[in-house]
Amino acid sequence: MLNLPQIKKGLSATAIATLLLSTTAQADMGCPATLHQAPVMPDAKFCQLFNEELPASLTYHAPSDIPQAADYYLQQLGDPDSDVTVKGRRVLQFSAGQKIIVLSEDGNGTQVDMLIK
């Protein structure tokens, strides 16, 4: 089995940089602008679409803190039907509970979980 030093010997610095840049670009390219007419933050990264059909769900990372992420959704979707904090997670519900946005701390930013019913 090859270990990391053996792999590095076989790859040039350019090849390693290209591989790393390609991986980052792929992660960024995978984020949709919306999920069933609910906006995804423009700086979203590492998007994971779990189901595109209703009920649909998407999880992603945003470099914003929770209040900034909440402000984005309040500006985009208007006043929520519900805005509560449960176990450190801010839960926003819109459209009579048909659009649910859950915001939680995630390293240097926020994990955004979207559920569209």
Protein backbone atom coordinates (compact mmCIF):
# COMPACT_ATOMS: atom_id res chain seq x y z
CA MET A 1 0.00 0.00 0.00
CA LEU A 2 1.33 3.45 -0.90
CA ASN A 3 1.65 6.06 1.78
CA LEU A 4 1.53 9.86 1.40
CA PRO A 5 5.32 10.40 1.02
CA GLN A 6 5.42 7.79 -1.78
CA ILE A 7 2.48 9.43 -3.52
CA LYS A 8 4.09 12.88 -3.22
CA LYS A 9 7.28 11.59 -4.83
CA GLY A 10 5.29 10.55 -7.89
CA LEU A 11 3.44 13.86 -8.28
CA SER A 12 4.84 17.22 -9.26
CA ALA A 13 3.93 20.35 -7.32
CA THR A 14 1.91 21.51 -10.33
CA ALA A 15 -0.08 18.27 -10.43
CA ILE A 16 -0.84 18.50 -6.70
CA ALA A 17 -1.94 22.15 -7.02
CA THR A 18 -4.14 21.33 -10.02
CA LEU A 19 -5.76 18.46 -8.13
CA LEU A 20 -6.47 20.65 -5.09
CA LEU A 21 -7.86 23.50 -7.19
CA SER A 22 -10.03 21.11 -9.20
CA THR A 23 -11.51 19.64 -6.03
CA THR A 24 -12.33 23.11 -4.65
CA ALA A 25 -13.88 24.22 -7.93
CA GLN A 26 -16.02 21.09 -8.10
CA ALA A 27 -17.32 21.66 -4.58
CA ASP A 28 -18.24 25.28 -5.40
CA MET A 29 -19.79 24.37 -8.77
CA GLY A 30 -22.17 21.91 -7.11
CA CYS A 31 -24.23 24.58 -5.34
CA PRO A 32 -27.53 25.52 -6.93
CA ALA A 33 -28.82 29.12 -6.79
CA THR A 34 -32.17 27.95 -5.44
CA LEU A 35 -33.95 24.90 -4.10
CA HIS A 36 -37.60 24.92 -5.17
CA GLN A 37 -37.66 28.73 -5.24
CA ALA A 38 -35.90 29.06 -1.87
CA PRO A 39 -32.58 30.91 -2.28
CA VAL A 40 -29.19 29.40 -1.53
CA MET A 41 -26.65 31.90 -0.20
CA PRO A 42 -24.34 33.12 -3.00
CA ASP A 43 -21.19 32.12 -1.08
CA ALA A 44 -22.42 28.57 -0.37
CA LYS A 45 -19.81 25.81 -0.43
CA PHE A 46 -19.77 22.04 -0.06
CA CYS A 47 -23.43 21.63 -1.05
CA GLN A 48 -24.99 18.24 -0.50
CA LEU A 49 -28.35 17.76 -2.21
CA PHE A 50 -30.09 14.87 -0.50
CA ASN A 51 -33.33 14.93 -2.44
CA GLU A 52 -34.29 17.14 -5.36
CA GLU A 53 -37.91 15.94 -5.43
CA LEU A 54 -40.31 17.15 -2.76
CA PRO A 55 -39.73 16.89 0.10
CA ALA A 56 -36.33 18.26 -0.93
CA SER A 57 -33.33 18.85 1.29
CA LEU A 58 -29.97 20.55 0.87
CA THR A 59 -27.11 21.13 3.30
CA TYR A 60 -24.24 23.55 2.74
CA HIS A 61 -21.59 25.64 4.47
CA ALA A 62 -21.62 29.45 4.41
CA PRO A 63 -18.69 31.55 5.67
CA SER A 64 -21.19 33.88 7.40
CA ASP A 65 -22.09 33.65 11.08
CA ILE A 66 -25.60 32.61 12.15
CA PRO A 67 -27.03 36.15 12.48
CA GLN A 68 -25.72 37.08 9.01
CA ALA A 69 -27.15 33.90 7.48
CA ALA A 70 -30.49 34.52 9.20
CA ASP A 71 -30.54 38.12 7.91
CA TYR A 72 -29.96 36.82 4.38
CA TYR A 73 -33.01 34.53 4.59
CA LEU A 74 -35.14 37.20 6.25
CA GLN A 75 -34.28 39.64 3.44
CA GLN A 76 -34.93 37.03 0.74
CA LEU A 77 -38.05 35.35 2.14
CA GLY A 78 -39.60 38.03 4.36
CA ASP A 79 -40.97 37.60 7.85
CA PRO A 80 -40.85 33.98 9.03
CA ASP A 81 -43.85 32.14 10.39
CA SER A 82 -41.55 30.95 13.17
CA ASP A 83 -38.05 31.91 14.36
CA VAL A 84 -36.80 29.86 17.31
CA THR A 85 -33.47 28.66 18.67
CA VAL A 86 -33.36 24.99 19.68
CA LYS A 87 -30.16 23.44 21.10
CA GLY A 88 -28.01 26.20 19.60
CA ARG A 89 -29.63 25.93 16.17
CA ARG A 90 -31.72 28.74 14.74
CA VAL A 91 -34.80 27.38 12.98
CA LEU A 92 -36.67 29.63 10.54
CA GLN A 93 -39.96 28.50 9.00
CA PHE A 94 -41.57 30.22 6.01
CA SER A 95 -44.61 29.63 3.77
CA ALA A 96 -46.74 27.97 6.46
CA GLY A 97 -43.92 25.59 7.36
CA GLN A 98 -43.26 24.52 3.75
CA LYS A 99 -39.74 26.06 3.78
CA ILE A 100 -37.58 25.32 6.81
CA ILE A 101 -34.07 26.73 7.23
CA VAL A 102 -31.90 25.42 10.09
CA LEU A 103 -28.72 27.36 10.91
CA SER A 104 -26.00 25.95 13.16
CA GLU A 105 -22.41 26.85 13.97
CA ASP A 106 -19.90 25.12 11.70
CA GLY A 107 -16.24 25.98 12.24
CA ASN A 108 -15.64 29.38 10.69
CA GLY A 109 -19.19 29.84 9.47
CA THR A 110 -22.64 28.33 9.45
CA GLN A 111 -24.10 25.04 8.34
CA VAL A 112 -27.36 25.69 6.50
CA ASP A 113 -29.90 22.88 6.26
CA MET A 114 -32.84 23.52 3.94
CA LEU A 115 -36.00 21.42 3.89
CA ILE A 116 -38.68 22.17 1.32
CA LYS A 117 -41.94 20.24 1.72
